[in-house]
Amino acid sequence: MHRILPVLLAFMGCTAENLDPFDLAGYGYEYYPLEIGKYRIYRIDSIQFDLGEGNLPTRDSSTFYLREDFVEEVSNLGRDGENLVRIERYRSESLDGPWSIFDVITRSRTTNQAYSSENNVQLINLVFPVKTGIRWDGDAFVKDRLVVFVQGESLEMYKEWEFEILSSGVSEKVGENTYPDVVTVQQADSDNPIEKRYSIEKYAKDVGLIFREREIVDSYCKQLGVLDQCIGKEWIEKAGRGFFTRE
């Protein structure tokens, strides 16, 4: 499995018992900072899967860098009057550049929830107060059975997603850095003989997103209708469409 590590970082409802609703210090907003002028650079390792000659699975691996620039706040009157932060993302094959524009995303935060919008897909990444064991419908804004395309092949990427905070306040080492206070959010973890949907994110206090891993794949046996060929195989061998990423 390829390893993907963040290489440079500059630098989200529900209510909890015994928390004063007017005292927001313990809500955990520090896990989802939205400070204008900050930036982050991630190393991205990606494997994309497809069916090749003879209907055999093929893999296309790549490594690149993605920089997020927190550019400006824009008004968002559609939800509780909160502002969105506009983030420009740039891609490069190396840390030294050159950097070319990749896309534009937004992130925002209300009293009880934190949102992201990428490729016209909006997710509720965190809920406040941050508390281990809390579950929520993080893909509430995603249409049922939304189809995305990977290598020209259709994929129900957000099938069976369910968000849960697995841990919080835990020290973790990610890449070269050790973060004393990290919250881990599981977005999806379903695995059957023909489909796998796995997504996890980690947020460090006063830093933000430090790690994301996704394995969104369908087996080639599902596509061909010959399920017995995939019995006993690892997903790296039997994936016929989809992707693995770490950042």
Protein backbone atom coordinates (compact mmCIF):
# COMPACT_ATOMS: atom_id res chain seq x y z
CA MET A 1 0.00 0.00 0.00
CA HIS A 2 1.29 3.43 -0.88
CA ARG A 3 1.94 5.72 2.06
CA ILE A 4 0.69 9.28 1.94
CA LEU A 5 1.83 11.83 4.46
CA PRO A 6 1.12 15.53 4.93
CA VAL A 7 4.46 17.26 4.42
CA LEU A 8 3.61 20.81 5.42
CA LEU A 9 0.71 22.29 7.32
CA ALA A 10 -0.05 25.90 8.20
CA PHE A 11 -2.42 25.78 10.31
CA MET A 12 -16.84 21.17 12.30
CA GLY A 13 -25.19 18.83 15.25
CA CYS A 14 -25.53 17.91 18.48
CA THR A 15 -25.33 19.14 22.03
CA ALA A 16 -23.53 17.58 24.97
CA GLU A 17 -24.67 17.36 28.56
CA ASN A 18 -23.10 19.70 31.13
CA LEU A 19 -21.91 22.20 28.48
CA ASP A 20 -22.97 25.82 28.83
CA PRO A 21 -24.44 26.77 25.41
CA PHE A 22 -22.95 30.26 25.82
CA ASP A 23 -19.48 28.97 26.68
CA LEU A 24 -18.05 27.66 23.39
CA ALA A 25 -14.52 26.98 24.64
CA GLY A 26 -15.13 23.23 24.96
CA TYR A 27 -16.91 22.68 21.66
CA GLY A 28 -13.79 21.80 19.68
CA TYR A 29 -13.85 24.47 17.00
CA GLU A 30 -10.05 24.41 17.08
CA TYR A 31 -10.14 21.14 15.11
CA TYR A 32 -11.61 22.99 12.12
CA PRO A 33 -9.81 26.36 11.82
CA LEU A 34 -10.75 28.61 8.92
CA GLU A 35 -8.19 31.38 9.12
CA ILE A 36 -7.74 33.43 5.96
CA GLY A 37 -4.16 33.57 4.67
CA LYS A 38 -3.17 30.12 5.89
CA TYR A 39 -2.22 27.27 3.58
CA ARG A 40 -1.59 23.53 3.71
CA ILE A 41 0.41 21.25 1.46
CA TYR A 42 -0.33 17.53 1.28
CA ARG A 43 1.39 14.69 -0.47
CA ILE A 44 -1.21 12.62 -2.33
CA ASP A 45 -0.70 8.97 -3.27
CA SER A 46 -3.41 7.58 -5.50
CA ILE A 47 -4.22 4.27 -7.17
CA GLN A 48 -7.04 4.16 -9.71
CA PHE A 49 -8.52 0.89 -10.90
CA ASP A 50 -10.06 -0.13 -14.22
CA LEU A 51 -10.61 -3.16 -16.42
CA GLY A 52 -8.03 -3.56 -19.14
CA GLU A 53 -7.34 -6.01 -21.93
CA GLY A 54 -9.11 -9.32 -21.47
CA ASN A 55 -11.31 -7.79 -18.76
CA LEU A 56 -8.43 -8.04 -16.31
CA PRO A 57 -8.03 -5.39 -13.58
CA THR A 58 -5.40 -2.72 -14.13
CA ARG A 59 -3.90 -0.13 -11.76
CA ASP A 60 -2.69 3.39 -12.42
CA SER A 61 -0.60 4.84 -9.57
CA SER A 62 0.43 8.46 -9.10
CA THR A 63 1.98 10.74 -6.48
CA PHE A 64 1.68 14.51 -6.43
CA TYR A 65 1.34 17.48 -4.08
CA LEU A 66 -1.78 19.51 -3.37
CA ARG A 67 -1.67 22.97 -1.82
CA GLU A 68 -4.74 24.56 -0.23
CA ASP A 69 -4.78 28.37 0.04
CA PHE A 70 -7.41 29.85 2.36
CA VAL A 71 -8.21 32.87 0.21
CA GLU A 72 -11.32 34.74 1.41
CA GLU A 73 -14.65 34.64 3.18
CA VAL A 74 -17.77 34.80 1.03
CA SER A 75 -21.29 35.43 2.26
CA ASN A 76 -23.54 32.39 2.66
CA LEU A 77 -27.01 33.58 3.55
CA GLY A 78 -28.61 30.21 2.84
CA ARG A 79 -27.73 28.57 6.15
CA ASP A 80 -27.76 30.38 9.50
CA GLY A 81 -26.00 33.35 7.92
CA GLU A 82 -22.54 31.83 8.35
CA ASN A 83 -19.70 32.66 6.00
CA LEU A 84 -17.91 30.23 3.75
CA VAL A 85 -14.17 30.23 3.27
CA ARG A 86 -13.10 29.98 -0.34
CA ILE A 87 -10.08 27.72 -0.79
CA GLU A 88 -8.03 27.53 -3.97
CA ARG A 89 -6.18 24.28 -4.53
CA TYR A 90 -3.05 23.94 -6.63
CA ARG A 91 -1.28 20.83 -7.86
CA SER A 92 2.40 20.15 -8.44
CA GLU A 93 4.57 17.14 -9.15
CA SER A 94 7.08 18.36 -6.56
CA LEU A 95 7.25 20.63 -3.52
CA ASP A 96 9.33 23.08 -5.53
CA GLY A 97 6.55 23.63 -8.10
CA PRO A 98 5.53 24.87 -10.50
CA TRP A 99 1.96 24.96 -9.13
CA SER A 100 -1.10 24.95 -11.39
CA ILE A 101 -4.70 25.57 -10.33
CA PHE A 102 -6.50 22.31 -9.55
CA ASP A 103 -9.93 23.38 -8.29
CA VAL A 104 -11.79 25.61 -5.84
CA ILE A 105 -13.56 24.28 -2.74
CA THR A 106 -15.29 25.82 0.27
CA ARG A 107 -15.42 25.07 3.97
CA SER A 108 -17.68 26.58 6.61
CA ARG A 109 -18.69 26.19 10.24
CA THR A 110 -21.83 26.89 12.27
CA THR A 111 -22.35 26.52 16.00
CA ASN A 112 -22.95 22.79 15.73
CA GLN A 113 -21.57 21.59 12.40
CA ALA A 114 -18.61 21.93 10.03
CA TYR A 115 -19.05 21.60 6.28
CA SER A 116 -16.95 21.06 3.20
CA SER A 117 -17.91 21.30 -0.45
CA GLU A 118 -15.74 19.60 -3.06
CA ASN A 119 -16.75 18.84 -6.64
CA ASN A 120 -20.32 19.97 -5.84
CA VAL A 121 -20.56 17.41 -3.02
CA GLN A 122 -21.27 18.82 0.43
CA LEU A 123 -20.40 16.83 3.55
CA ILE A 124 -20.82 17.51 7.27
CA ASN A 125 -17.29 16.70 8.37
CA LEU A 126 -17.61 17.34 12.10
CA VAL A 127 -20.26 18.07 14.70
CA PHE A 128 -19.86 20.14 17.85
CA PRO A 129 -19.27 19.65 20.67
CA VAL A 130 -16.67 17.08 19.60
CA LYS A 131 -17.27 13.90 21.57
CA THR A 132 -16.11 10.32 21.03
CA GLY A 133 -18.91 7.99 19.92
CA ILE A 134 -21.17 10.62 18.35
CA ARG A 135 -22.72 9.55 15.04
CA TRP A 136 -24.42 11.70 12.40
CA ASP A 137 -25.65 11.75 8.83
CA GLY A 138 -22.61 13.39 7.32
CA ASP A 139 -23.76 12.89 3.74
CA ALA A 140 -27.25 14.32 4.34
CA PHE A 141 -26.81 16.69 1.40
CA VAL A 142 -25.69 13.95 -1.00
CA LYS A 143 -28.32 12.56 -3.33
CA ASP A 144 -29.14 8.88 -2.86
CA ARG A 145 -26.86 6.68 -4.92
CA LEU A 146 -24.88 9.61 -6.29
CA VAL A 147 -22.68 8.36 -9.13
CA VAL A 148 -19.12 9.59 -9.67
CA PHE A 149 -16.79 8.61 -12.48
CA VAL A 150 -13.28 7.19 -12.07
CA GLN A 151 -11.30 6.36 -15.20
CA GLY A 152 -14.58 6.76 -17.10
CA GLU A 153 -16.33 4.10 -14.97
CA SER A 154 -19.40 4.90 -12.83
CA LEU A 155 -19.24 4.32 -9.07
CA GLU A 156 -21.69 4.84 -6.19
CA MET A 157 -19.03 6.45 -4.04
CA TYR A 158 -21.17 7.47 -1.05
CA LYS A 159 -23.11 4.24 -0.65
CA GLU A 160 -23.52 3.18 3.03
CA TRP A 161 -21.61 6.09 4.55
CA GLU A 162 -22.16 6.72 8.27
CA PHE A 163 -20.11 9.23 10.23
CA GLU A 164 -18.75 8.62 13.73
CA ILE A 165 -16.08 10.17 15.95
CA LEU A 166 -13.86 7.21 16.85
CA SER A 167 -11.53 9.08 19.20
CA SER A 168 -10.62 12.58 20.32
CA GLY A 169 -7.86 14.19 22.35
CA VAL A 170 -5.39 11.50 21.30
CA SER A 171 -1.73 12.11 20.48
CA GLU A 172 -0.76 10.78 17.05
CA LYS A 173 2.25 10.87 14.77
CA VAL A 174 1.45 11.54 11.13
CA GLY A 175 4.42 11.69 8.83
CA GLU A 176 7.24 13.64 10.44
CA ASN A 177 4.95 15.43 12.89
CA THR A 178 3.46 14.45 16.24
CA TYR A 179 0.17 16.11 17.14
CA PRO A 180 -0.83 16.11 20.84
CA ASP A 181 -4.60 16.40 20.27
CA VAL A 182 -6.24 14.63 17.32
CA VAL A 183 -9.86 13.69 16.57
CA THR A 184 -10.50 10.75 14.22
CA VAL A 185 -13.68 10.68 12.14
CA GLN A 186 -14.79 7.51 10.38
CA GLN A 187 -16.96 8.40 7.41
CA ALA A 188 -17.47 4.94 5.94
CA ASP A 189 -16.42 1.38 6.73
CA SER A 190 -18.35 -1.24 4.79
CA ASP A 191 -16.79 -4.24 3.10
CA ASN A 192 -18.45 -7.14 1.29
CA PRO A 193 -17.25 -9.49 -1.49
CA ILE A 194 -18.11 -7.03 -4.27
CA GLU A 195 -17.85 -3.52 -2.77
CA LYS A 196 -15.72 -1.61 -0.29
CA ARG A 197 -16.43 1.88 1.05
CA TYR A 198 -13.84 3.13 3.53
CA SER A 199 -13.07 6.73 4.43
CA ILE A 200 -11.39 8.21 7.48
CA GLU A 201 -10.22 11.73 8.39
CA LYS A 202 -8.03 13.06 11.20
CA TYR A 203 -8.10 16.61 12.51
CA ALA A 204 -5.46 18.11 14.81
CA LYS A 205 -6.29 20.86 17.27
CA ASP A 206 -5.28 24.30 15.98
CA VAL A 207 -4.14 22.73 12.69
CA GLY A 208 -7.13 21.16 10.92
CA LEU A 209 -7.16 18.21 8.55
CA ILE A 210 -3.87 16.31 8.78
CA PHE A 211 -4.77 12.95 7.22
CA ARG A 212 -7.39 11.39 4.96
CA GLU A 213 -7.56 7.87 3.58
CA ARG A 214 -10.18 6.47 1.21
CA GLU A 215 -10.68 3.07 -0.40
CA ILE A 216 -13.71 3.30 -2.70
CA VAL A 217 -13.79 0.24 -4.96
CA ASP A 218 -15.99 -2.35 -6.68
CA SER A 219 -14.57 -5.74 -7.58
CA TYR A 220 -14.06 -6.68 -11.20
CA CYS A 221 -16.08 -9.81 -10.43
CA LYS A 222 -19.12 -7.62 -9.79
CA GLN A 223 -18.67 -6.05 -13.20
CA LEU A 224 -18.22 -9.38 -14.96
CA GLY A 225 -20.78 -11.35 -12.93
CA VAL A 226 -18.28 -14.07 -11.96
CA LEU A 227 -18.03 -13.69 -8.20
CA ASP A 228 -16.10 -16.91 -7.57
CA GLN A 229 -12.97 -15.48 -9.21
CA CYS A 230 -12.56 -12.94 -6.39
CA ILE A 231 -12.86 -15.31 -3.43
CA GLY A 232 -9.82 -15.04 -1.17
CA LYS A 233 -8.29 -12.11 -3.03
CA GLU A 234 -7.22 -8.83 -1.46
CA TRP A 235 -8.81 -5.63 -2.73
CA ILE A 236 -5.59 -4.51 -4.36
CA GLU A 237 -5.94 -7.59 -6.59
CA LYS A 238 -9.69 -7.69 -7.23
CA ALA A 239 -10.63 -4.00 -7.55
CA GLY A 240 -12.03 -3.39 -11.03
CA ARG A 241 -13.16 0.22 -10.62
CA GLY A 242 -12.61 2.94 -8.04
CA PHE A 243 -9.58 4.26 -6.18
CA PHE A 244 -7.33 4.21 -3.13
CA THR A 245 -5.99 7.54 -1.84
CA ARG A 246 -4.08 8.82 1.16
CA GLU A 247 -3.26 12.42 1.83
